[in-house]
N, C-alpha and C. Protein backbone atom coordinates (compact mmCIF):
# COMPACT_ATOMS: atom_id res chain seq x y z
N MET A 1 -28.56 8.02 1.05
CA MET A 1 -27.59 6.43 0.50
C MET A 1 -27.68 6.72 -0.84
N THR A 2 -28.85 6.98 -1.61
CA THR A 2 -28.84 7.27 -3.03
C THR A 2 -28.40 8.34 -3.72
N MET A 3 -27.87 9.42 -3.00
CA MET A 3 -27.29 10.32 -2.77
C MET A 3 -25.74 10.07 -3.21
N ALA A 4 -25.40 9.36 -2.30
CA ALA A 4 -24.16 9.08 -2.46
C ALA A 4 -23.70 8.11 -3.49
N VAL A 5 -24.48 6.86 -4.02
CA VAL A 5 -24.54 6.40 -4.89
C VAL A 5 -24.32 7.17 -6.30
N ASP A 6 -25.36 8.07 -6.38
CA ASP A 6 -25.22 8.90 -7.57
C ASP A 6 -23.94 9.59 -7.85
N LEU A 7 -23.40 10.33 -6.34
CA LEU A 7 -22.30 11.24 -6.67
C LEU A 7 -21.03 10.22 -7.05
N CYS A 8 -21.04 8.74 -6.56
CA CYS A 8 -19.96 7.67 -6.84
C CYS A 8 -20.09 7.41 -8.41
N ARG A 9 -21.29 7.54 -9.15
CA ARG A 9 -21.54 7.32 -10.62
C ARG A 9 -20.88 8.27 -11.08
N LEU A 10 -21.56 9.50 -10.82
CA LEU A 10 -20.72 10.99 -11.23
C LEU A 10 -19.22 11.17 -11.24
N THR A 11 -18.50 10.78 -10.09
CA THR A 11 -17.21 10.56 -9.71
C THR A 11 -16.41 9.67 -10.75
N THR A 12 -17.11 8.20 -11.04
CA THR A 12 -16.48 7.28 -11.97
C THR A 12 -16.54 8.02 -13.26
N ARG A 13 -17.56 8.54 -13.84
CA ARG A 13 -17.38 9.21 -15.10
C ARG A 13 -16.66 10.02 -15.28
N THR A 14 -16.30 10.76 -14.02
CA THR A 14 -15.47 11.98 -14.26
C THR A 14 -13.87 11.20 -14.29
N MET A 15 -13.64 10.31 -13.69
CA MET A 15 -12.28 9.73 -14.01
C MET A 15 -12.03 8.94 -15.17
N ASN A 16 -13.12 8.50 -15.62
CA ASN A 16 -12.88 7.96 -17.07
C ASN A 16 -12.82 9.11 -18.06
N VAL A 17 -13.18 10.53 -18.00
CA VAL A 17 -13.00 11.45 -19.13
C VAL A 17 -11.37 11.81 -18.42
N ASN A 18 -11.01 11.88 -17.34
CA ASN A 18 -9.67 12.08 -16.95
C ASN A 18 -8.38 11.59 -17.12
N ALA A 19 -8.93 10.32 -17.27
CA ALA A 19 -7.97 8.99 -18.05
C ALA A 19 -7.59 9.64 -19.37
N GLY A 20 -8.20 10.36 -20.21
CA GLY A 20 -7.82 10.70 -21.53
C GLY A 20 -6.98 11.86 -21.21
N HIS A 21 -6.76 12.38 -20.42
CA HIS A 21 -6.17 13.64 -20.05
C HIS A 21 -5.00 13.65 -18.90
N GLU A 22 -4.58 12.37 -18.90
CA GLU A 22 -3.75 11.90 -17.69
C GLU A 22 -2.74 12.82 -17.17
N ARG A 23 -1.82 13.38 -18.09
CA ARG A 23 -0.73 14.25 -17.98
C ARG A 23 -1.38 15.61 -17.34
N THR A 24 -2.41 16.36 -17.74
CA THR A 24 -2.82 17.59 -17.10
C THR A 24 -3.68 17.21 -16.16
N SER A 25 -4.28 16.02 -15.42
CA SER A 25 -5.21 16.09 -14.53
C SER A 25 -4.88 15.02 -13.47
N LYS A 26 -3.44 14.54 -13.27
CA LYS A 26 -3.06 13.69 -12.23
C LYS A 26 -3.64 14.07 -10.88
N ALA A 27 -3.74 15.40 -10.48
CA ALA A 27 -4.13 15.75 -9.13
C ALA A 27 -5.78 15.57 -9.17
N ARG A 28 -6.39 15.73 -10.12
CA ARG A 28 -7.85 15.94 -10.25
C ARG A 28 -7.99 14.32 -9.83
N ILE A 29 -7.46 13.54 -10.44
CA ILE A 29 -7.80 11.72 -10.43
C ILE A 29 -7.58 11.86 -8.78
N ILE A 30 -6.49 12.11 -8.56
CA ILE A 30 -6.03 11.95 -7.00
C ILE A 30 -7.34 12.17 -6.09
N HIS A 31 -7.55 13.43 -6.37
CA HIS A 31 -8.85 14.17 -5.69
C HIS A 31 -9.96 13.42 -5.56
N GLN A 32 -10.25 12.68 -6.83
CA GLN A 32 -11.70 11.80 -7.05
C GLN A 32 -11.28 10.67 -6.20
N ILE A 33 -10.18 9.78 -6.21
CA ILE A 33 -9.89 8.67 -5.75
C ILE A 33 -9.94 8.92 -4.15
N GLN A 34 -9.59 10.17 -3.84
CA GLN A 34 -9.81 10.55 -2.08
C GLN A 34 -11.31 10.56 -1.73
N LEU A 35 -12.14 11.17 -2.80
CA LEU A 35 -13.79 11.39 -2.87
C LEU A 35 -14.07 10.13 -2.54
N ILE A 36 -13.75 9.29 -3.45
CA ILE A 36 -14.44 7.74 -3.35
C ILE A 36 -14.19 7.05 -2.08
N ARG A 37 -13.02 7.06 -1.59
CA ARG A 37 -12.54 6.76 -0.43
C ARG A 37 -13.43 7.46 0.75
N GLY A 38 -13.48 8.66 0.74
CA GLY A 38 -14.44 9.46 1.65
C GLY A 38 -15.99 8.73 1.68
N ILE A 39 -16.45 8.75 0.51
CA ILE A 39 -17.84 8.09 0.08
C ILE A 39 -17.89 6.52 0.76
N THR A 40 -16.93 5.88 0.76
CA THR A 40 -17.07 4.33 0.90
C THR A 40 -16.76 4.37 2.58
N THR A 41 -16.23 5.38 3.07
CA THR A 41 -15.96 5.33 4.63
C THR A 41 -17.51 5.31 5.13
N ILE A 42 -18.25 6.70 4.49
CA ILE A 42 -19.69 7.13 5.10
C ILE A 42 -20.64 5.73 4.66
N LEU A 43 -20.62 5.25 3.40
CA LEU A 43 -21.61 3.98 3.28
C LEU A 43 -21.18 2.84 4.44
N ALA A 44 -19.75 2.54 4.63
CA ALA A 44 -19.52 1.50 5.57
C ALA A 44 -19.65 1.72 6.94
N LEU A 45 -19.94 2.91 7.48
CA LEU A 45 -20.49 3.40 8.74
C LEU A 45 -22.15 3.33 8.71
């Protein structure tokens, strides 16, 4: 559980960095969102 929370924090940090490069990393942002959804699903179970 702690690992998932740390991963979530890291993902959020990465997304904030990506927001500054929106045009070049939209695919990466989409991937990060999918990752968060996956983590949320795991935590919900």
